[in-house]
Amino acid sequence: MSYVSTGIAGLDNILNGGIPAGNTVILEGAPGTGKTTLGVQFLYHGALEKNEPGIYVTFEELPNQIYQEMKSAFGWDLRSLEKRDMIRVVCLSPETFLDQMTEPNGLVEQIIRQIGSKRLVIDSISLFKLAAPAVDGHRKSFYSVRNILRKFAQTSLLLQEQSAEQSAVIPFENYVVDGVIRLAMKGHLQNYRKRTLEVLKMRGTRIFEGEHQYKFTGEGIHVVPALSMVEDKVVNLEQTTPTGIARLDQLLQGGIPDGTAFLIDTNSKANHKYMLASIFASQLKAGKKVVSLISSLGTVQDVENGLSLFDISLKRHIRNREIFFIEHFKRPYPAEYADVIIDVSDLNNEEYKPVVREKLSPIMAESISRGEKWFVYYDLNTVFSQRGSQFVSRFFAEEIATAKAYGLTVVTLCNFAEMEGEVASYLERSCHGVIKTWVDGNYQYLQLTKSPNGVISEPMIVESSNQMPYVSLV
């Protein structure tokens, strides 16, 4: 499949490369949404940047009016392109257009052949009903136009007016064409309006779903795909460790960047153990050493069982002193694990940090001096329940600062809903990335809501799998 670049910043990304060549696409929207501008921009880009001539058919505006408006607003010199046979603006009545369109060697066919047209815009097909007021006649005319556009391999935008009353009704034309793009205006921040673009369908390509905001700039329409954020330029995005979950690694462009801090926000119903086990296993397979502050709901034996599903022998890593645990509860564990478990169950808040650092700092400092990397996991829900919200804020701030200084990779599990608003906001601000998972009804969802590369995902369904990593994102 070949794709035709629209020339509209951001729209090609939403269309996964552009409009499939030869597609007939309806561009619908209310007055003032920018349908004419987008249509002309599509032709202008094709002529100027892609050497693809195009035709603009208008039923209401004279060519000189379009030339002046586009030159004044965006600096587009359509006249010069028309002199070079790269753009042709044709003003006809709807009746004449339909007659010429369906007539062999009619005016439209002659222009297509004369300039070698590859793109065509019609402004607007709403007026076809004036030329063929009967329903059957209108449908027959529209089918004929679509078929002729396909015959001459024109990648076409058909502009269509849409009012608030019509928004709930799907016109028959939308079923006939290959694609539908909707432009809309909505209230925004009380005193402002925002314009949105949504691709409702597009045959032949995978689309980025959702409503995407767009703006008018000096260069034309600029679309900002939904869920886009600013990339963190400070983070080295080239050195990553996979999570082991394919879709999540794709969104993160390889995995969790080394030296970053990620939060996993989960509610009480969500099953996060396979995701955590996959992240753990991937970090160990990458050769990193690990510190884990384990949960009140999970023991060291649970960690061992979880890692065994990913072909990881916890005992071997313990023998090599490559993994250490911080334990908040008096629970039994195998005697062979004693050297790697730091028991903090009897320590108050003031004693906690000095003891943990006394145990771990010499080991980690020596290891880091040899160029070895570390992965740190915190169950912050446990810290919150055992030591309180104020401790969490102070503790987490210090831990993240230390982690950044030493290039440690940190993943923290928490439940924002159970924490005070200010604490949850602080935790989110402090991290490079946030992965949210929750249960709603009969499904569990996962969404990347913050990332160093600026990507925010749509909510994805977490589906169980019988193969490693035992979950997939759909």
Protein backbone atom coordinates (compact mmCIF):
# COMPACT_ATOMS: atom_id res chain seq x y z
CA MET A 1 0.00 0.00 0.00
CA SER A 2 1.35 3.42 -0.98
CA TYR A 3 0.35 6.48 1.01
CA VAL A 4 -0.27 10.06 -0.03
CA SER A 5 1.15 12.62 2.38
CA THR A 6 -1.47 15.16 3.39
CA GLY A 7 1.06 17.89 4.16
CA ILE A 8 -0.80 18.66 7.38
CA ALA A 9 1.59 18.44 10.33
CA GLY A 10 0.48 15.62 12.64
CA LEU A 11 -2.25 14.23 10.36
CA ASP A 12 0.07 11.83 8.55
CA ASN A 13 1.05 10.36 11.94
CA ILE A 14 -2.60 9.83 12.81
CA LEU A 15 -3.08 8.10 9.45
CA ASN A 16 0.02 5.93 9.90
CA GLY A 17 1.79 7.53 6.94
CA GLY A 18 -0.95 9.35 5.02
CA ILE A 19 -4.08 8.65 3.00
CA PRO A 20 -3.88 5.36 1.07
CA ALA A 21 -3.36 6.30 -2.59
CA GLY A 22 -6.62 6.47 -4.56
CA ASN A 23 -8.88 6.67 -1.50
CA THR A 24 -11.95 8.85 -1.60
CA VAL A 25 -12.32 10.62 1.74
CA ILE A 26 -15.09 12.79 3.14
CA LEU A 27 -13.92 15.78 5.20
CA GLU A 28 -16.91 16.89 7.23
CA GLY A 29 -17.44 19.67 9.72
CA ALA A 30 -19.41 22.73 10.70
CA PRO A 31 -18.72 26.15 9.14
CA GLY A 32 -15.51 27.68 10.47
CA THR A 33 -13.75 24.41 11.22
CA GLY A 34 -11.26 24.84 8.37
CA LYS A 35 -12.43 22.37 5.73
CA THR A 36 -11.46 24.65 2.83
CA THR A 37 -8.06 25.42 4.35
CA LEU A 38 -7.30 21.73 4.88
CA GLY A 39 -8.40 20.88 1.35
CA VAL A 40 -6.24 23.58 -0.24
CA GLN A 41 -3.30 22.69 2.02
CA PHE A 42 -3.58 19.08 0.83
CA LEU A 43 -3.31 20.21 -2.80
CA TYR A 44 -0.64 22.85 -2.15
CA HIS A 45 1.63 20.38 -0.38
CA GLY A 46 1.15 17.80 -3.13
CA ALA A 47 2.04 20.28 -5.86
CA LEU A 48 4.93 21.99 -4.11
CA GLU A 49 6.56 19.15 -2.17
CA LYS A 50 5.52 15.93 -3.92
CA ASN A 51 5.26 17.04 -7.56
CA GLU A 52 1.67 15.79 -7.63
CA PRO A 53 -0.74 18.08 -9.52
CA GLY A 54 -4.22 18.56 -8.11
CA ILE A 55 -7.64 20.04 -8.84
CA TYR A 56 -9.81 22.15 -6.55
CA VAL A 57 -13.50 22.15 -7.55
CA THR A 58 -15.56 24.87 -5.89
CA PHE A 59 -19.29 25.53 -6.23
CA GLU A 60 -19.52 28.75 -4.23
CA GLU A 61 -16.23 30.68 -4.30
CA LEU A 62 -14.56 32.19 -7.35
CA PRO A 63 -10.91 31.24 -8.03
CA ASN A 64 -9.66 34.80 -7.36
CA GLN A 65 -11.26 34.75 -3.94
CA ILE A 66 -9.49 31.49 -3.02
CA TYR A 67 -6.16 32.81 -4.38
CA GLN A 68 -6.40 35.97 -2.28
CA GLU A 69 -7.53 34.25 0.93
CA MET A 70 -4.79 31.62 0.85
CA LYS A 71 -2.09 34.10 -0.12
CA SER A 72 -3.11 36.51 2.64
CA ALA A 73 -3.55 33.92 5.40
CA PHE A 74 -0.71 31.49 4.67
CA GLY A 75 1.44 32.91 1.89
CA TRP A 76 0.41 30.15 -0.53
CA ASP A 77 0.92 31.34 -4.10
CA LEU A 78 -1.66 29.25 -5.95
CA ARG A 79 -1.45 31.42 -9.07
CA SER A 80 2.18 30.51 -9.72
CA LEU A 81 1.39 26.82 -9.27
CA GLU A 82 -1.55 27.13 -11.63
CA LYS A 83 0.68 28.68 -14.30
CA ARG A 84 2.90 25.59 -14.03
CA ASP A 85 -0.13 23.26 -14.35
CA MET A 86 0.40 21.98 -10.78
CA ILE A 87 -2.93 23.23 -9.44
CA ARG A 88 -6.18 24.00 -11.20
CA VAL A 89 -9.06 25.79 -9.44
CA VAL A 90 -12.36 25.15 -11.20
CA CYS A 91 -15.59 26.99 -10.36
CA LEU A 92 -18.75 25.27 -11.59
CA SER A 93 -22.34 24.82 -10.54
CA PRO A 94 -23.13 21.43 -8.95
CA GLU A 95 -25.34 20.56 -11.91
CA THR A 96 -22.63 21.33 -14.45
CA PHE A 97 -20.01 19.45 -12.46
CA LEU A 98 -22.12 16.30 -12.24
CA ASP A 99 -22.89 16.48 -15.96
CA GLN A 100 -19.23 17.00 -16.89
CA MET A 101 -18.03 14.41 -14.39
CA THR A 102 -20.15 11.64 -15.85
CA GLU A 103 -19.74 12.66 -19.50
CA PRO A 104 -17.01 10.74 -21.40
CA ASN A 105 -14.12 13.13 -22.11
CA GLY A 106 -15.97 15.80 -20.16
CA LEU A 107 -14.34 18.88 -18.68
CA VAL A 108 -13.22 17.17 -15.47
CA GLU A 109 -11.64 14.26 -17.33
CA GLN A 110 -9.91 16.69 -19.70
CA ILE A 111 -8.36 18.64 -16.81
CA ILE A 112 -7.25 15.45 -15.05
CA ARG A 113 -5.46 14.29 -18.20
CA GLN A 114 -4.12 17.75 -19.09
CA ILE A 115 -2.25 18.35 -15.83
CA GLY A 116 -1.76 14.72 -14.79
CA SER A 117 -3.80 15.24 -11.64
CA LYS A 118 -3.19 12.95 -8.65
CA ARG A 119 -5.27 14.78 -6.05
CA LEU A 120 -8.76 16.27 -6.16
CA VAL A 121 -10.84 18.31 -3.71
CA ILE A 122 -14.56 19.02 -4.08
CA ASP A 123 -16.07 21.89 -2.06
CA SER A 124 -18.68 20.80 -1.18
CA ILE A 125 -20.67 17.64 -1.86
CA SER A 126 -23.49 18.99 0.34
CA LEU A 127 -24.60 20.95 -2.72
CA PHE A 128 -25.04 17.79 -4.81
CA LYS A 129 -28.53 17.53 -3.36
CA LEU A 130 -29.46 20.74 -5.17
CA ALA A 131 -28.47 19.17 -8.47
CA ALA A 132 -30.31 15.91 -7.76
CA PRO A 133 -33.00 16.64 -5.16
CA ALA A 134 -34.59 13.18 -5.36
CA VAL A 135 -32.99 10.70 -2.95
CA ASP A 136 -32.46 8.02 -5.59
CA GLY A 137 -31.03 10.53 -8.03
CA HIS A 138 -28.65 11.96 -5.44
CA ARG A 139 -27.36 8.54 -4.46
CA LYS A 140 -26.87 7.50 -8.06
CA SER A 141 -24.94 10.71 -8.77
CA PHE A 142 -22.71 10.26 -5.75
CA TYR A 143 -21.90 6.65 -6.62
CA SER A 144 -20.96 7.81 -10.12
CA VAL A 145 -18.63 10.52 -8.78
CA ARG A 146 -16.92 8.08 -6.42
CA ASN A 147 -16.43 5.48 -9.14
CA ILE A 148 -14.98 8.01 -11.58
CA LEU A 149 -12.56 9.31 -8.96
CA ARG A 150 -11.39 5.74 -8.42
CA LYS A 151 -11.17 5.15 -12.16
CA PHE A 152 -8.74 8.05 -12.56
CA ALA A 153 -6.84 7.10 -9.35
CA GLN A 154 -7.51 10.43 -7.70
CA THR A 155 -6.78 10.67 -3.98
CA SER A 156 -9.74 12.85 -3.10
CA LEU A 157 -11.12 14.96 -0.29
CA LEU A 158 -14.87 15.59 -0.53
CA LEU A 159 -15.88 18.45 1.76
CA GLN A 160 -19.24 18.08 3.48
CA GLU A 161 -21.09 20.54 5.71
CA GLN A 162 -22.30 19.29 9.06
CA SER A 163 -24.57 21.08 11.50
CA ALA A 164 -25.24 20.26 15.14
CA GLU A 165 -28.60 18.75 14.14
CA GLN A 166 -26.92 16.48 11.59
CA SER A 167 -24.14 15.23 13.87
CA ALA A 168 -26.26 12.35 15.20
CA VAL A 169 -27.23 11.18 11.70
CA ILE A 170 -24.72 9.29 9.54
CA PRO A 171 -25.15 10.32 5.88
CA PHE A 172 -25.20 7.51 3.34
CA GLU A 173 -22.14 9.08 1.66
CA ASN A 174 -20.05 8.14 4.71
CA TYR A 175 -20.74 4.46 4.06
CA VAL A 176 -19.77 4.69 0.41
CA VAL A 177 -16.38 6.41 0.68
CA ASP A 178 -13.07 4.93 1.85
CA GLY A 179 -12.52 7.35 4.71
CA VAL A 180 -14.21 9.97 6.88
CA ILE A 181 -12.41 12.76 8.73
CA ARG A 182 -14.47 14.98 11.03
CA LEU A 183 -13.57 18.51 12.10
CA ALA A 184 -15.33 20.06 15.09
CA MET A 185 -15.28 23.05 17.44
CA LYS A 186 -15.98 22.72 21.15
CA GLY A 187 -15.93 24.86 24.26
CA HIS A 188 -12.57 24.95 26.02
CA LEU A 189 -11.44 26.51 29.32
CA GLN A 190 -14.65 28.57 29.67
CA ASN A 191 -13.67 31.48 27.40
CA TYR A 192 -12.04 29.62 24.54
CA ARG A 193 -12.87 27.22 21.74
CA LYS A 194 -10.84 24.25 20.63
CA ARG A 195 -10.85 22.60 17.24
CA THR A 196 -10.63 18.82 17.01
CA LEU A 197 -10.00 16.36 14.19
CA GLU A 198 -11.08 12.73 14.32
CA VAL A 199 -10.54 10.03 11.70
CA LEU A 200 -13.75 8.00 11.87
CA LYS A 201 -12.62 5.48 9.28
CA MET A 202 -9.90 4.96 6.68
CA ARG A 203 -9.70 1.85 4.58
CA GLY A 204 -6.24 0.49 3.93
CA THR A 205 -4.41 1.86 6.98
CA ARG A 206 -4.33 1.65 10.74
CA ILE A 207 -5.47 4.91 12.31
CA PHE A 208 -4.62 6.58 15.61
CA GLU A 209 -8.04 6.82 17.22
CA GLY A 210 -9.35 9.70 19.27
CA GLU A 211 -10.05 13.41 18.95
CA HIS A 212 -6.91 15.35 18.07
CA GLN A 213 -6.63 19.11 18.53
CA TYR A 214 -5.49 21.33 15.68
CA LYS A 215 -4.55 24.95 15.29
CA PHE A 216 -4.31 27.46 12.44
CA THR A 217 -0.72 28.64 12.10
CA GLY A 218 1.12 30.80 9.61
CA GLU A 219 1.88 27.64 7.62
CA GLY A 220 -1.65 26.27 7.62
CA ILE A 221 -3.36 23.69 9.82
CA HIS A 222 -1.22 21.95 12.44
CA VAL A 223 -2.65 18.84 14.12
CA VAL A 224 -1.33 17.73 17.52
CA PRO A 225 -2.08 14.00 17.93
CA ALA A 226 -3.91 13.17 21.14
CA LEU A 227 -1.87 11.88 24.06
CA SER A 228 1.24 13.75 22.92
CA MET A 229 3.54 15.29 25.51
CA VAL A 230 6.96 16.91 25.52
CA GLU A 231 9.90 14.51 25.40
CA ASP A 232 12.33 14.60 28.33
CA LYS A 233 15.55 15.55 26.54
CA VAL A 234 17.66 14.97 29.66
CA VAL A 235 16.91 11.24 29.73
CA ASN A 236 19.04 8.92 27.58
CA LEU A 237 16.33 7.13 25.62
CA GLU A 238 18.82 4.92 23.80
CA GLN A 239 19.78 2.81 26.82
CA THR A 240 16.63 0.95 27.80
CA THR A 241 15.72 -2.32 29.46
CA PRO A 242 12.60 -4.05 28.13
CA THR A 243 9.63 -4.68 30.37
CA GLY A 244 9.02 -7.94 28.52
CA ILE A 245 5.51 -6.78 27.55
CA ALA A 246 5.65 -6.16 23.81
CA ARG A 247 3.10 -3.35 23.44
CA LEU A 248 4.42 -1.47 26.46
CA ASP A 249 8.00 -1.74 25.17
CA GLN A 250 6.83 -0.45 21.79
CA LEU A 251 5.27 2.61 23.41
CA LEU A 252 8.43 3.22 25.45
CA GLN A 253 10.61 2.80 22.35
CA GLY A 254 12.41 -0.22 23.72
CA GLY A 255 11.59 -0.32 27.40
CA ILE A 256 12.25 1.58 30.62
CA PRO A 257 15.21 3.95 30.06
CA ASP A 258 18.08 3.17 32.40
CA GLY A 259 18.40 5.64 35.26
CA THR A 260 14.73 6.69 35.25
CA ALA A 261 11.97 6.38 37.85
CA PHE A 262 8.57 4.91 36.94
CA LEU A 263 5.36 4.69 38.98
CA ILE A 264 2.83 1.90 38.59
CA ASP A 265 -0.52 3.20 39.85
CA THR A 266 -2.96 0.36 40.52
CA ASN A 267 -6.28 -0.08 42.24
CA SER A 268 -7.10 -2.87 44.69
CA LYS A 269 -8.76 -5.09 42.06
CA ALA A 270 -6.04 -4.98 39.40
CA ASN A 271 -3.66 -7.92 39.04
CA HIS A 272 -0.20 -6.45 38.57
CA LYS A 273 1.94 -9.43 39.61
CA TYR A 274 2.75 -10.67 36.10
CA MET A 275 3.71 -7.20 34.90
CA LEU A 276 5.98 -6.71 37.89
CA ALA A 277 7.48 -10.18 37.54
CA SER A 278 8.16 -9.50 33.86
CA ILE A 279 9.88 -6.19 34.68
CA PHE A 280 11.90 -7.86 37.46
CA ALA A 281 12.95 -10.72 35.22
CA SER A 282 13.94 -8.43 32.36
CA GLN A 283 16.09 -6.29 34.66
CA LEU A 284 17.87 -9.37 36.04
CA LYS A 285 18.38 -10.80 32.55
CA ALA A 286 19.96 -7.48 31.57
CA GLY A 287 22.59 -8.08 34.25
CA LYS A 288 21.37 -5.57 36.80
CA LYS A 289 21.47 -6.08 40.53
CA VAL A 290 18.24 -5.54 42.41
CA VAL A 291 16.92 -4.05 45.65
CA SER A 292 13.28 -4.83 46.38
CA LEU A 293 11.04 -3.43 49.10
CA ILE A 294 8.48 -6.19 49.14
CA SER A 295 4.76 -5.95 49.74
CA SER A 296 2.64 -6.81 52.73
CA LEU A 297 0.73 -9.09 50.36
CA GLY A 298 3.74 -10.85 48.89
CA THR A 299 6.63 -12.73 50.47
CA VAL A 300 10.12 -13.52 49.21
CA GLN A 301 8.79 -16.94 48.30
CA ASP A 302 6.12 -15.28 46.16
CA VAL A 303 8.86 -13.35 44.37
CA GLU A 304 10.72 -16.61 43.81
CA ASN A 305 7.64 -18.30 42.39
CA GLY A 306 6.88 -15.35 40.12
CA LEU A 307 10.41 -15.18 38.73
CA SER A 308 10.47 -18.92 38.09
CA LEU A 309 7.69 -18.39 35.52
CA PHE A 310 10.21 -16.28 33.59
CA ASP A 311 13.01 -18.85 33.85
CA ILE A 312 14.80 -16.90 36.59
CA SER A 313 16.37 -18.74 39.52
CA LEU A 314 16.07 -16.46 42.54
CA LYS A 315 18.30 -18.78 44.58
CA ARG A 316 21.16 -18.32 42.13
CA HIS A 317 20.91 -14.53 42.29
CA ILE A 318 20.76 -14.69 46.08
CA ARG A 319 23.85 -16.89 46.24
CA ASN A 320 25.66 -14.36 44.07
CA ARG A 321 24.35 -11.51 46.25
CA GLU A 322 22.73 -9.89 43.21
CA ILE A 323 19.37 -9.21 44.83
CA PHE A 324 18.47 -7.75 48.25
CA PHE A 325 15.13 -7.42 50.02
CA ILE A 326 13.78 -4.86 52.51
CA GLU A 327 11.25 -6.60 54.75
CA HIS A 328 8.70 -4.65 56.85
CA PHE A 329 7.06 -7.67 58.48
CA LYS A 330 8.05 -10.51 60.78
CA ARG A 331 7.60 -13.39 58.39
CA PRO A 332 9.48 -16.66 58.00
CA TYR A 333 11.86 -17.10 55.09
CA PRO A 334 14.44 -19.74 54.17
CA ALA A 335 17.64 -19.51 56.19
CA GLU A 336 19.70 -19.27 53.00
CA TYR A 337 18.04 -15.91 52.28
CA ALA A 338 19.12 -14.32 55.56
CA ASP A 339 22.17 -12.51 54.15
CA VAL A 340 20.12 -10.60 51.56
CA ILE A 341 17.11 -9.65 53.71
CA ILE A 342 17.17 -6.37 55.62
CA ASP A 343 14.62 -6.63 58.43
CA VAL A 344 13.15 -3.20 59.24
CA SER A 345 10.02 -4.44 61.00
CA ASP A 346 11.18 -3.16 64.42
CA LEU A 347 12.62 0.14 63.22
CA ASN A 348 10.89 3.49 63.69
CA ASN A 349 10.94 6.13 60.97
CA GLU A 350 14.08 7.81 62.24
CA GLU A 351 15.98 4.52 62.45
CA TYR A 352 14.79 3.19 59.11
CA LYS A 353 16.89 5.15 56.61
CA PRO A 354 20.24 4.99 58.45
CA VAL A 355 19.98 1.22 58.91
CA VAL A 356 19.00 0.54 55.30
CA ARG A 357 21.75 2.75 53.96
CA GLU A 358 24.32 1.25 56.32
CA LYS A 359 23.49 -2.19 54.93
CA LEU A 360 23.23 -1.31 51.25
CA SER A 361 25.40 1.73 50.54
CA PRO A 362 28.80 -0.03 50.71
CA ILE A 363 27.59 -2.88 48.52
CA MET A 364 26.00 -0.62 45.91
CA ALA A 365 28.86 1.91 45.88
CA GLU A 366 31.45 -0.78 45.21
CA SER A 367 29.28 -2.37 42.55
CA ILE A 368 28.58 0.93 40.78
CA SER A 369 32.31 1.75 40.81
CA ARG A 370 32.79 -1.45 38.77
CA GLY A 371 30.29 -0.17 36.20
CA GLU A 372 27.43 -2.44 37.32
CA LYS A 373 23.83 -1.20 37.13
CA TRP A 374 21.08 -1.47 39.71
CA PHE A 375 17.30 -1.76 39.64
CA VAL A 376 15.27 -0.68 42.69
CA TYR A 377 11.65 -1.67 43.33
CA TYR A 378 9.48 -0.14 46.05
CA ASP A 379 6.03 -1.20 47.15
CA LEU A 380 5.12 2.30 48.28
CA ASN A 381 1.72 1.14 49.50
CA THR A 382 3.54 -0.80 52.20
CA VAL A 383 5.68 2.19 53.17
CA PHE A 384 2.56 4.37 53.24
CA SER A 385 0.61 1.97 55.47
CA GLN A 386 3.52 1.32 57.84
CA ARG A 387 5.16 4.73 58.05
CA GLY A 388 2.62 7.37 56.99
CA SER A 389 2.19 9.94 54.25
CA GLN A 390 4.74 12.47 55.52
CA PHE A 391 7.44 9.82 55.62
CA VAL A 392 6.53 8.74 52.09
CA SER A 393 6.99 12.28 50.77
CA ARG A 394 10.35 12.80 52.46
CA PHE A 395 11.57 9.27 51.86
CA PHE A 396 10.60 9.18 48.22
CA ALA A 397 12.12 12.57 47.46
CA GLU A 398 15.44 11.50 48.95
CA GLU A 399 15.38 8.11 47.28
CA ILE A 400 14.64 9.54 43.84
CA ALA A 401 17.37 12.15 44.23
CA THR A 402 19.85 9.44 45.23
CA ALA A 403 18.71 7.16 42.43
CA LYS A 404 19.19 9.89 39.84
CA ALA A 405 22.64 10.72 41.20
CA TYR A 406 23.79 7.10 40.89
CA GLY A 407 21.92 6.23 37.69
CA LEU A 408 19.62 3.68 39.35
CA THR A 409 16.47 2.51 37.60
CA VAL A 410 13.46 2.71 39.93
CA VAL A 411 9.97 1.23 39.65
CA THR A 412 7.46 2.05 42.38
CA LEU A 413 4.07 0.47 43.01
CA CYS A 414 1.40 2.65 44.60
CA ASN A 415 -2.31 3.37 44.70
CA PHE A 416 -2.96 7.07 44.15
CA ALA A 417 -6.59 6.71 45.22
CA GLU A 418 -5.57 5.65 48.72
CA MET A 419 -3.04 8.45 49.18
CA GLU A 420 -3.59 12.09 50.01
CA GLY A 421 -4.01 14.27 46.93
CA GLU A 422 -0.85 16.30 47.50
CA VAL A 423 1.24 13.17 48.07
CA ALA A 424 -0.07 11.50 44.92
CA SER A 425 0.58 14.63 42.87
CA TYR A 426 4.09 14.92 44.24
CA LEU A 427 4.86 11.28 43.44
CA GLU A 428 3.61 11.73 39.88
CA ARG A 429 5.68 14.88 39.35
CA SER A 430 8.81 13.22 40.73
CA CYS A 431 8.84 10.35 38.25
CA HIS A 432 9.77 10.17 34.59
CA GLY A 433 6.94 7.80 33.74
CA VAL A 434 3.57 6.63 35.09
CA ILE A 435 1.83 3.37 34.19
CA LYS A 436 -1.76 3.16 35.40
CA THR A 437 -3.67 -0.14 35.62
CA TRP A 438 -7.19 -0.62 36.97
CA VAL A 439 -10.28 -2.81 36.80
CA ASP A 440 -13.54 -1.43 35.45
CA GLY A 441 -16.42 -3.88 35.22
CA ASN A 442 -15.22 -7.16 33.72
CA TYR A 443 -11.97 -5.83 32.25
CA GLN A 444 -8.59 -4.72 33.47
CA TYR A 445 -7.04 -1.75 31.68
CA LEU A 446 -3.56 -0.30 31.42
CA GLN A 447 -2.55 3.16 30.25
CA LEU A 448 0.81 4.87 29.92
CA THR A 449 -0.06 8.32 31.27
CA LYS A 450 3.46 9.79 31.38
CA SER A 451 6.72 8.80 29.72
CA PRO A 452 10.18 10.24 29.04
CA ASN A 453 9.62 10.07 25.28
CA GLY A 454 6.42 12.12 25.53
CA VAL A 455 4.11 9.25 24.54
CA ILE A 456 0.81 8.81 26.34
CA SER A 457 -1.24 5.80 25.31
CA GLU A 458 -4.92 5.18 25.01
CA PRO A 459 -6.37 2.81 27.65
CA MET A 460 -5.51 -0.75 26.63
CA ILE A 461 -7.21 -3.95 27.73
CA VAL A 462 -5.01 -6.31 29.76
CA GLU A 463 -5.58 -9.79 28.36
CA SER A 464 -4.45 -12.99 30.04
CA SER A 465 -2.07 -15.24 28.11
CA ASN A 466 -0.72 -18.77 28.59
CA GLN A 467 2.69 -17.75 27.32
CA MET A 468 5.38 -15.54 28.81
CA PRO A 469 4.85 -12.75 29.97
CA TYR A 470 1.33 -14.12 30.67
CA VAL A 471 -0.36 -10.81 29.84
CA SER A 472 -0.75 -8.85 26.62
CA LEU A 473 -2.09 -5.38 25.90
CA VAL A 474 -4.84 -4.99 23.32
